[in-house]
C-alpha atoms as a PDB file:
ATOM      1  CA  UNK A   1     -33.117   3.273  -5.709  1.00  0.00           C
ATOM      2  CA  UNK A   2     -33.680   6.044  -7.970  1.00  0.00           C
ATOM      3  CA  UNK A   3     -32.421   5.958 -11.452  1.00  0.00           C
ATOM      4  CA  UNK A   4     -30.137   9.154 -11.936  1.00  0.00           C
ATOM      5  CA  UNK A   5     -29.515  10.954 -15.321  1.00  0.00           C
ATOM      6  CA  UNK A   6     -26.067  11.819 -15.931  1.00  0.00           C
ATOM      7  CA  UNK A   7     -26.478  15.364 -15.564  1.00  0.00           C
ATOM      8  CA  UNK A   8     -28.102  15.308 -11.906  1.00  0.00           C
ATOM      9  CA  UNK A   9     -26.289  15.865  -8.758  1.00  0.00           C
ATOM     10  CA  UNK A  10     -24.604  12.312  -7.562  1.00  0.00           C
ATOM     11  CA  UNK A  11     -26.193  10.712  -4.955  1.00  0.00           C
ATOM     12  CA  UNK A  12     -22.828  10.590  -2.802  1.00  0.00           C
ATOM     13  CA  UNK A  13     -23.125  14.570  -2.136  1.00  0.00           C
ATOM     14  CA  UNK A  14     -19.938  15.268  -3.852  1.00  0.00           C
ATOM     15  CA  UNK A  15     -21.531  18.233  -5.726  1.00  0.00           C
ATOM     16  CA  UNK A  16     -20.566  16.411  -9.223  1.00  0.00           C
ATOM     17  CA  UNK A  17     -22.744  15.518 -11.693  1.00  0.00           C
ATOM     18  CA  UNK A  18     -23.557  11.723 -11.643  1.00  0.00           C
ATOM     19  CA  UNK A  19     -22.104  10.959 -15.010  1.00  0.00           C
ATOM     20  CA  UNK A  20     -18.839  12.154 -13.597  1.00  0.00           C
ATOM     21  CA  UNK A  21     -18.711  10.862 -10.381  1.00  0.00           C
ATOM     22  CA  UNK A  22     -20.503   7.473  -9.587  1.00  0.00           C
ATOM     23  CA  UNK A  23     -22.393   6.426 -12.878  1.00  0.00           C
ATOM     24  CA  UNK A  24     -19.452   4.051 -13.888  1.00  0.00           C
ATOM     25  CA  UNK A  25     -19.321   2.660 -10.549  1.00  0.00           C
ATOM     26  CA  UNK A  26     -23.047   2.054 -10.423  1.00  0.00           C
ATOM     27  CA  UNK A  27     -22.855   0.204 -13.745  1.00  0.00           C
ATOM     28  CA  UNK A  28     -20.044  -2.176 -12.393  1.00  0.00           C
ATOM     29  CA  UNK A  29     -22.170  -2.967  -9.289  1.00  0.00           C
ATOM     30  CA  UNK A  30     -25.680  -3.614 -11.128  1.00  0.00           C
ATOM     31  CA  UNK A  31     -23.351  -5.946 -13.203  1.00  0.00           C
ATOM     32  CA  UNK A  32     -22.362  -7.753 -10.097  1.00  0.00           C
ATOM     33  CA  UNK A  33     -25.897  -7.573  -8.837  1.00  0.00           C
ATOM     34  CA  UNK A  34     -27.283  -9.350 -11.761  1.00  0.00           C
ATOM     35  CA  UNK A  35     -24.796 -12.135 -11.422  1.00  0.00           C
ATOM     36  CA  UNK A  36     -26.528 -12.719  -7.873  1.00  0.00           C
ATOM     37  CA  UNK A  37     -23.000 -11.355  -5.947  1.00  0.00           C
ATOM     38  CA  UNK A  38     -23.748  -9.337  -2.718  1.00  0.00           C
ATOM     39  CA  UNK A  39     -23.138  -5.826  -3.233  1.00  0.00           C
ATOM     40  CA  UNK A  40     -22.868  -2.988  -0.604  1.00  0.00           C
ATOM     41  CA  UNK A  41     -25.521  -0.702   0.006  1.00  0.00           C
ATOM     42  CA  UNK A  42     -24.922   2.964  -1.097  1.00  0.00           C
ATOM     43  CA  UNK A  43     -24.952   3.801   2.166  1.00  0.00           C
ATOM     44  CA  UNK A  44     -21.711   2.499   3.178  1.00  0.00           C
ATOM     45  CA  UNK A  45     -19.745   3.809   0.106  1.00  0.00           C
ATOM     46  CA  UNK A  46     -17.646   7.057   0.787  1.00  0.00           C
ATOM     47  CA  UNK A  47     -16.998   9.962  -1.440  1.00  0.00           C
ATOM     48  CA  UNK A  48     -13.577  11.236  -1.933  1.00  0.00           C
ATOM     49  CA  UNK A  49     -13.613  13.785   1.181  1.00  0.00           C
ATOM     50  CA  UNK A  50     -14.991  10.872   3.473  1.00  0.00           C
ATOM     51  CA  UNK A  51     -11.962   8.673   2.309  1.00  0.00           C
ATOM     52  CA  UNK A  52      -9.384  11.221   2.561  1.00  0.00           C
ATOM     53  CA  UNK A  53     -10.272  11.981   6.249  1.00  0.00           C
ATOM     54  CA  UNK A  54     -10.137   8.055   6.762  1.00  0.00           C
ATOM     55  CA  UNK A  55      -6.771   7.898   5.532  1.00  0.00           C
ATOM     56  CA  UNK A  56      -5.512  11.082   7.567  1.00  0.00           C
ATOM     57  CA  UNK A  57      -7.145   9.032  10.751  1.00  0.00           C
ATOM     58  CA  UNK A  58      -5.456   5.736   9.656  1.00  0.00           C
ATOM     59  CA  UNK A  59      -2.125   7.579   9.629  1.00  0.00           C
ATOM     60  CA  UNK A  60      -2.606   9.106  13.049  1.00  0.00           C
ATOM     61  CA  UNK A  61      -3.667   5.806  14.316  1.00  0.00           C
ATOM     62  CA  UNK A  62      -0.708   3.862  12.932  1.00  0.00           C
ATOM     63  CA  UNK A  63       1.679   6.302  14.143  1.00  0.00           C
ATOM     64  CA  UNK A  64       0.387   6.116  17.740  1.00  0.00           C
ATOM     65  CA  UNK A  65       0.286   2.424  17.555  1.00  0.00           C
ATOM     66  CA  UNK A  66       3.831   2.433  16.351  1.00  0.00           C
ATOM     67  CA  UNK A  67       5.088   4.523  19.205  1.00  0.00           C
ATOM     68  CA  UNK A  68       3.263   2.691  21.631  1.00  0.00           C
ATOM     69  CA  UNK A  69       4.768  -0.463  20.104  1.00  0.00           C
ATOM     70  CA  UNK A  70       8.110   1.075  20.528  1.00  0.00           C
ATOM     71  CA  UNK A  71       7.716   1.544  24.299  1.00  0.00           C
ATOM     72  CA  UNK A  72       5.987  -1.664  25.579  1.00  0.00           C
ATOM     73  CA  UNK A  73       8.393  -3.906  27.295  1.00  0.00           C
ATOM     74  CA  UNK A  74       7.910  -7.493  28.868  1.00  0.00           C
ATOM     75  CA  UNK A  75       5.901  -7.114  32.130  1.00  0.00           C
ATOM     76  CA  UNK A  76       3.909  -4.158  31.680  1.00  0.00           C
ATOM     77  CA  UNK A  77       0.258  -4.154  32.742  1.00  0.00           C
ATOM     78  CA  UNK A  78      -2.482  -3.061  30.337  1.00  0.00           C
ATOM     79  CA  UNK A  79      -3.050  -0.278  32.619  1.00  0.00           C
ATOM     80  CA  UNK A  80       0.442   1.086  31.977  1.00  0.00           C
ATOM     81  CA  UNK A  81       0.065   0.610  28.174  1.00  0.00           C
ATOM     82  CA  UNK A  82      -3.287   2.434  28.510  1.00  0.00           C
ATOM     83  CA  UNK A  83      -1.694   5.241  30.585  1.00  0.00           C
ATOM     84  CA  UNK A  84       0.801   5.416  28.048  1.00  0.00           C
ATOM     85  CA  UNK A  85      -1.822   5.632  25.197  1.00  0.00           C
ATOM     86  CA  UNK A  86      -3.762   8.407  27.070  1.00  0.00           C
ATOM     87  CA  UNK A  87      -0.576  10.539  27.376  1.00  0.00           C
ATOM     88  CA  UNK A  88       0.833  10.032  23.943  1.00  0.00           C
ATOM     89  CA  UNK A  89      -2.663  10.404  22.267  1.00  0.00           C
ATOM     90  CA  UNK A  90      -2.982  14.197  22.687  1.00  0.00           C
ATOM     91  CA  UNK A  91       0.445  14.836  21.087  1.00  0.00           C
ATOM     92  CA  UNK A  92      -0.270  12.900  18.066  1.00  0.00           C
ATOM     93  CA  UNK A  93      -3.740  14.623  17.839  1.00  0.00           C
ATOM     94  CA  UNK A  94      -2.145  17.991  18.152  1.00  0.00           C
ATOM     95  CA  UNK A  95       0.198  17.187  15.318  1.00  0.00           C
ATOM     96  CA  UNK A  96      -2.326  16.240  13.071  1.00  0.00           C
ATOM     97  CA  UNK A  97      -4.473  19.429  13.995  1.00  0.00           C
ATOM     98  CA  UNK A  98      -1.708  21.730  13.215  1.00  0.00           C
ATOM     99  CA  UNK A  99      -0.567  19.904  10.192  1.00  0.00           C
ATOM    100  CA  UNK A 100      -4.127  20.087   8.435  1.00  0.00           C
ATOM    101  CA  UNK A 101      -4.164  23.765   9.435  1.00  0.00           C
ATOM    102  CA  UNK A 102      -0.962  24.236   7.757  1.00  0.00           C
ATOM    103  CA  UNK A 103      -1.878  22.579   4.469  1.00  0.00           C
END
């Protein structure tokens, strides 16, 4: 892991200087590493853009699962549930795409 100066671009790809972005985070991680804790590799650490996209995806998934849960009834087969899901998913994705284009 290359030691970055505060005025160099951050390793996460955010376009910010390292000192403004992940310098404090890396210092905390190093503190844990020195105490022999298991720490995550940089490759799994996400930047703010990636986190925002993950949040959007989670909202769509939650809404879809809530909708399906409201429409499941006792005695339905998993095939019937899958059919509902495949019919409903394009509606939820379409709404999410339209919403993202409007904002």
